[in-house]
C-alpha cells in the first residue's frame, strides 16, 4: 500500500514547503463521483440556482426534463451553457442533467454553466486549471441593484422640470 498523506496539522507542519503544497493538492484533487458514476454541483447566477449532474455518456443535455434546445431556444443561451464543455474538449463525452429555479433565462443559463464547470472539476480534477483560467468556476456575483427612495429606479432620477 502506498504511503498516505498527513492526517493531522502536526504531521503537516513537519513536512517541507513543497511537500506541504503537494499534500494539500493531493487532498483537494480527489475525484468525487456517486455510485451511479455521476458528479453533482450547484451553480448560481443572479437569482437563478441550478443543480447539475454530470455522467459519462454521448453528450445529451436536459434542463428541467426538456432537451436544451427546447428549454433554451435562443442559440446564444445554448452557447453559454456549452462553453465549459467546449473549452475542456468534452462536448460529446458527458450527459448532463440539470434542474434550474429562479431568475430569467439568461441567469438560468449562466447558473447551469457555472454548475457544469464545477461538476466537471469534480468528475475530472485535471480540468480545474483550464476551466478556472477561462473564469467558469467563479460565481458571477453581480445582482440587480435595489431601488432607492426619491429616484425612479436604482440610479435614474425623475425628470427635472425648470418651471
C-alpha atoms as a PDB file:
ATOM      1  CA  UNK A   1       0.000   0.000   0.000  1.00  0.00           C
ATOM      2  CA  UNK A   2       1.266   3.491  -0.851  1.00  0.00           C
ATOM      3  CA  UNK A   3       2.215   5.939   1.870  1.00  0.00           C
ATOM      4  CA  UNK A   4      -0.756   8.032   2.938  1.00  0.00           C
ATOM      5  CA  UNK A   5      -0.677  11.805   3.355  1.00  0.00           C
ATOM      6  CA  UNK A   6      -0.542  13.663   6.670  1.00  0.00           C
ATOM      7  CA  UNK A   7      -3.516  13.116   8.956  1.00  0.00           C
ATOM      8  CA  UNK A   8      -3.063  15.968  11.452  1.00  0.00           C
ATOM      9  CA  UNK A   9      -1.765  19.533  11.455  1.00  0.00           C
ATOM     10  CA  UNK A  10       1.283  18.357  13.427  1.00  0.00           C
ATOM     11  CA  UNK A  11       2.141  15.906  10.626  1.00  0.00           C
ATOM     12  CA  UNK A  12       1.663  18.669   8.064  1.00  0.00           C
ATOM     13  CA  UNK A  13       3.964  21.053   9.950  1.00  0.00           C
ATOM     14  CA  UNK A  14       6.814  18.510   9.846  1.00  0.00           C
ATOM     15  CA  UNK A  15       6.818  18.498   6.034  1.00  0.00           C
ATOM     16  CA  UNK A  16       8.842  20.869   3.874  1.00  0.00           C
ATOM     17  CA  UNK A  17       7.051  23.649   1.960  1.00  0.00           C
ATOM     18  CA  UNK A  18       6.997  21.671  -1.309  1.00  0.00           C
ATOM     19  CA  UNK A  19       5.766  18.517   0.402  1.00  0.00           C
ATOM     20  CA  UNK A  20       3.089  20.547   2.200  1.00  0.00           C
ATOM     21  CA  UNK A  21       1.768  22.025  -1.052  1.00  0.00           C
ATOM     22  CA  UNK A  22       1.777  18.595  -2.687  1.00  0.00           C
ATOM     23  CA  UNK A  23      -0.097  17.023   0.265  1.00  0.00           C
ATOM     24  CA  UNK A  24      -2.753  19.750   0.171  1.00  0.00           C
ATOM     25  CA  UNK A  25      -3.085  19.437  -3.623  1.00  0.00           C
ATOM     26  CA  UNK A  26      -3.444  15.646  -3.373  1.00  0.00           C
ATOM     27  CA  UNK A  27      -6.310  16.001  -0.902  1.00  0.00           C
ATOM     28  CA  UNK A  28      -8.179  18.628  -2.906  1.00  0.00           C
ATOM     29  CA  UNK A  29      -7.812  16.961  -6.316  1.00  0.00           C
ATOM     30  CA  UNK A  30      -9.854  13.919  -5.417  1.00  0.00           C
ATOM     31  CA  UNK A  31     -12.488  12.626  -7.846  1.00  0.00           C
ATOM     32  CA  UNK A  32     -15.991  12.837  -6.358  1.00  0.00           C
ATOM     33  CA  UNK A  33     -18.466  10.504  -8.075  1.00  0.00           C
ATOM     34  CA  UNK A  34     -21.538   8.716  -6.657  1.00  0.00           C
ATOM     35  CA  UNK A  35     -22.371   5.014  -7.099  1.00  0.00           C
ATOM     36  CA  UNK A  36     -24.069   5.735 -10.459  1.00  0.00           C
ATOM     37  CA  UNK A  37     -20.975   7.482 -11.837  1.00  0.00           C
ATOM     38  CA  UNK A  38     -22.423  11.000 -11.542  1.00  0.00           C
ATOM     39  CA  UNK A  39     -20.808  14.168 -10.236  1.00  0.00           C
ATOM     40  CA  UNK A  40     -23.091  16.777  -8.650  1.00  0.00           C
ATOM     41  CA  UNK A  41     -22.602  20.522  -8.333  1.00  0.00           C
ATOM     42  CA  UNK A  42     -24.663  23.644  -7.744  1.00  0.00           C
ATOM     43  CA  UNK A  43     -24.305  26.701  -9.971  1.00  0.00           C
ATOM     44  CA  UNK A  44     -25.600  30.204  -9.287  1.00  0.00           C
ATOM     45  CA  UNK A  45     -26.082  33.397 -11.282  1.00  0.00           C
ATOM     46  CA  UNK A  46     -28.266  36.415 -10.392  1.00  0.00           C
ATOM     47  CA  UNK A  47     -31.354  34.844  -8.748  1.00  0.00           C
ATOM     48  CA  UNK A  48     -31.077  31.504 -10.546  1.00  0.00           C
ATOM     49  CA  UNK A  49     -29.863  28.306  -8.889  1.00  0.00           C
ATOM     50  CA  UNK A  50     -29.010  25.222 -10.951  1.00  0.00           C
ATOM     51  CA  UNK A  51     -28.469  21.689  -9.681  1.00  0.00           C
ATOM     52  CA  UNK A  52     -26.287  19.815 -12.182  1.00  0.00           C
ATOM     53  CA  UNK A  53     -25.455  16.106 -12.539  1.00  0.00           C
ATOM     54  CA  UNK A  54     -22.698  15.101 -14.963  1.00  0.00           C
ATOM     55  CA  UNK A  55     -22.147  11.475 -16.006  1.00  0.00           C
ATOM     56  CA  UNK A  56     -20.301   9.770 -18.875  1.00  0.00           C
ATOM     57  CA  UNK A  57     -22.470   9.490 -21.986  1.00  0.00           C
ATOM     58  CA  UNK A  58     -22.991  10.572 -25.593  1.00  0.00           C
ATOM     59  CA  UNK A  59     -23.469  14.269 -24.793  1.00  0.00           C
ATOM     60  CA  UNK A  60     -27.200  14.755 -24.134  1.00  0.00           C
ATOM     61  CA  UNK A  61     -28.129  17.825 -22.096  1.00  0.00           C
ATOM     62  CA  UNK A  62     -31.516  18.060 -20.378  1.00  0.00           C
ATOM     63  CA  UNK A  63     -32.764  21.060 -18.405  1.00  0.00           C
ATOM     64  CA  UNK A  64     -35.828  20.563 -16.185  1.00  0.00           C
ATOM     65  CA  UNK A  65     -36.661  17.363 -18.090  1.00  0.00           C
ATOM     66  CA  UNK A  66     -36.536  19.007 -21.537  1.00  0.00           C
ATOM     67  CA  UNK A  67     -33.785  18.939 -24.177  1.00  0.00           C
ATOM     68  CA  UNK A  68     -31.551  22.027 -24.012  1.00  0.00           C
ATOM     69  CA  UNK A  69     -32.714  23.149 -27.491  1.00  0.00           C
ATOM     70  CA  UNK A  70     -36.314  23.283 -26.233  1.00  0.00           C
ATOM     71  CA  UNK A  71     -35.704  24.919 -22.861  1.00  0.00           C
ATOM     72  CA  UNK A  72     -33.147  27.487 -24.054  1.00  0.00           C
ATOM     73  CA  UNK A  73     -34.464  28.320 -27.538  1.00  0.00           C
ATOM     74  CA  UNK A  74     -32.005  31.171 -28.195  1.00  0.00           C
ATOM     75  CA  UNK A  75     -28.692  29.960 -29.672  1.00  0.00           C
ATOM     76  CA  UNK A  76     -26.723  32.418 -27.510  1.00  0.00           C
ATOM     77  CA  UNK A  77     -28.010  30.788 -24.321  1.00  0.00           C
ATOM     78  CA  UNK A  78     -27.160  27.321 -25.669  1.00  0.00           C
ATOM     79  CA  UNK A  79     -23.651  28.540 -26.495  1.00  0.00           C
ATOM     80  CA  UNK A  80     -23.210  29.967 -22.970  1.00  0.00           C
ATOM     81  CA  UNK A  81     -24.314  26.665 -21.499  1.00  0.00           C
ATOM     82  CA  UNK A  82     -21.899  24.570 -23.585  1.00  0.00           C
ATOM     83  CA  UNK A  83     -18.812  26.784 -23.083  1.00  0.00           C
ATOM     84  CA  UNK A  84     -17.188  24.708 -20.289  1.00  0.00           C
ATOM     85  CA  UNK A  85     -17.620  21.503 -22.311  1.00  0.00           C
ATOM     86  CA  UNK A  86     -16.156  23.058 -25.464  1.00  0.00           C
ATOM     87  CA  UNK A  87     -13.168  24.583 -23.638  1.00  0.00           C
ATOM     88  CA  UNK A  88     -12.431  21.245 -21.932  1.00  0.00           C
ATOM     89  CA  UNK A  89     -12.938  19.265 -25.196  1.00  0.00           C
ATOM     90  CA  UNK A  90     -15.600  17.109 -23.511  1.00  0.00           C
ATOM     91  CA  UNK A  91     -18.669  18.100 -25.576  1.00  0.00           C
ATOM     92  CA  UNK A  92     -19.587  14.525 -26.555  1.00  0.00           C
ATOM     93  CA  UNK A  93     -18.265  12.665 -23.506  1.00  0.00           C
ATOM     94  CA  UNK A  94     -20.776  13.606 -20.790  1.00  0.00           C
ATOM     95  CA  UNK A  95     -24.537  13.539 -20.352  1.00  0.00           C
ATOM     96  CA  UNK A  96     -25.765  16.485 -18.319  1.00  0.00           C
ATOM     97  CA  UNK A  97     -28.998  16.611 -16.387  1.00  0.00           C
ATOM     98  CA  UNK A  98     -29.958  19.752 -14.510  1.00  0.00           C
ATOM     99  CA  UNK A  99     -32.819  21.411 -12.706  1.00  0.00           C
ATOM    100  CA  UNK A 100     -32.849  25.181 -12.510  1.00  0.00           C
ATOM    101  CA  UNK A 101     -35.064  27.516 -10.493  1.00  0.00           C
ATOM    102  CA  UNK A 102     -35.470  31.277 -10.196  1.00  0.00           C
ATOM    103  CA  UNK A 103     -34.387  34.210 -12.300  1.00  0.00           C
ATOM    104  CA  UNK A 104     -34.813  34.643 -16.045  1.00  0.00           C
ATOM    105  CA  UNK A 105     -33.450  32.617 -18.923  1.00  0.00           C
ATOM    106  CA  UNK A 106     -30.137  34.478 -19.072  1.00  0.00           C
ATOM    107  CA  UNK A 107     -29.451  33.978 -15.370  1.00  0.00           C
ATOM    108  CA  UNK A 108     -30.523  30.347 -15.607  1.00  0.00           C
ATOM    109  CA  UNK A 109     -28.128  29.696 -18.498  1.00  0.00           C
ATOM    110  CA  UNK A 110     -25.298  31.271 -16.502  1.00  0.00           C
ATOM    111  CA  UNK A 111     -26.203  29.193 -13.443  1.00  0.00           C
ATOM    112  CA  UNK A 112     -26.190  25.974 -15.476  1.00  0.00           C
ATOM    113  CA  UNK A 113     -22.813  26.919 -16.998  1.00  0.00           C
ATOM    114  CA  UNK A 114     -21.372  27.509 -13.523  1.00  0.00           C
ATOM    115  CA  UNK A 115     -22.796  24.179 -12.317  1.00  0.00           C
ATOM    116  CA  UNK A 116     -21.455  22.248 -15.319  1.00  0.00           C
ATOM    117  CA  UNK A 117     -17.961  23.661 -14.787  1.00  0.00           C
ATOM    118  CA  UNK A 118     -17.990  22.770 -11.088  1.00  0.00           C
ATOM    119  CA  UNK A 119     -19.314  19.249 -11.759  1.00  0.00           C
ATOM    120  CA  UNK A 120     -16.676  18.674 -14.454  1.00  0.00           C
ATOM    121  CA  UNK A 121     -13.912  19.542 -11.992  1.00  0.00           C
ATOM    122  CA  UNK A 122     -15.347  17.035  -9.526  1.00  0.00           C
ATOM    123  CA  UNK A 123     -15.525  14.378 -12.229  1.00  0.00           C
ATOM    124  CA  UNK A 124     -12.084  15.178 -13.713  1.00  0.00           C
ATOM    125  CA  UNK A 125      -9.923  17.219 -11.288  1.00  0.00           C
ATOM    126  CA  UNK A 126      -7.286  17.791 -14.008  1.00  0.00           C
ATOM    127  CA  UNK A 127      -9.711  20.114 -15.847  1.00  0.00           C
ATOM    128  CA  UNK A 128      -9.700  22.631 -12.985  1.00  0.00           C
ATOM    129  CA  UNK A 129      -6.832  24.716 -14.377  1.00  0.00           C
ATOM    130  CA  UNK A 130      -8.410  25.053 -17.827  1.00  0.00           C
ATOM    131  CA  UNK A 131     -11.872  25.928 -16.505  1.00  0.00           C
ATOM    132  CA  UNK A 132     -10.554  28.323 -13.864  1.00  0.00           C
ATOM    133  CA  UNK A 133      -8.395  30.062 -16.462  1.00  0.00           C
ATOM    134  CA  UNK A 134     -11.495  30.844 -18.523  1.00  0.00           C
ATOM    135  CA  UNK A 135     -13.394  32.042 -15.423  1.00  0.00           C
ATOM    136  CA  UNK A 136     -16.071  29.335 -15.384  1.00  0.00           C
ATOM    137  CA  UNK A 137     -15.532  28.336 -11.745  1.00  0.00           C
ATOM    138  CA  UNK A 138     -16.006  31.852 -10.378  1.00  0.00           C
ATOM    139  CA  UNK A 139     -19.551  32.751  -9.383  1.00  0.00           C
ATOM    140  CA  UNK A 140     -20.634  35.951 -11.107  1.00  0.00           C
ATOM    141  CA  UNK A 141     -21.723  37.937  -8.051  1.00  0.00           C
ATOM    142  CA  UNK A 142     -23.381  40.793  -9.944  1.00  0.00           C
ATOM    143  CA  UNK A 143     -27.030  41.171  -8.967  1.00  0.00           C
ATOM    144  CA  UNK A 144     -29.669  43.817  -9.617  1.00  0.00           C
ATOM    145  CA  UNK A 145     -29.159  46.962  -7.552  1.00  0.00           C
ATOM    146  CA  UNK A 146     -32.085  47.863  -5.305  1.00  0.00           C
ATOM    147  CA  UNK A 147     -34.334  50.831  -5.999  1.00  0.00           C
ATOM    148  CA  UNK A 148     -33.608  53.927  -3.889  1.00  0.00           C
ATOM    149  CA  UNK A 149     -36.234  56.269  -2.488  1.00  0.00           C
ATOM    150  CA  UNK A 150     -36.531  59.638  -4.241  1.00  0.00           C
ATOM    151  CA  UNK A 151     -35.443  58.043  -7.530  1.00  0.00           C
ATOM    152  CA  UNK A 152     -37.298  56.498 -10.443  1.00  0.00           C
ATOM    153  CA  UNK A 153     -35.132  53.349 -10.403  1.00  0.00           C
ATOM    154  CA  UNK A 154     -31.875  52.409  -8.686  1.00  0.00           C
ATOM    155  CA  UNK A 155     -29.956  55.396 -10.097  1.00  0.00           C
ATOM    156  CA  UNK A 156     -32.291  57.101 -12.569  1.00  0.00           C
ATOM    157  CA  UNK A 157     -33.677  60.398 -11.291  1.00  0.00           C
ATOM    158  CA  UNK A 158     -37.116  61.736 -12.040  1.00  0.00           C
ATOM    159  CA  UNK A 159     -37.221  64.187 -14.943  1.00  0.00           C
ATOM    160  CA  UNK A 160     -36.174  67.665 -13.881  1.00  0.00           C
ATOM    161  CA  UNK A 161     -38.593  70.473 -14.664  1.00  0.00           C
ATOM    162  CA  UNK A 162     -37.319  74.047 -14.511  1.00  0.00           C
ATOM    163  CA  UNK A 163     -40.819  75.547 -14.459  1.00  0.00           C
END
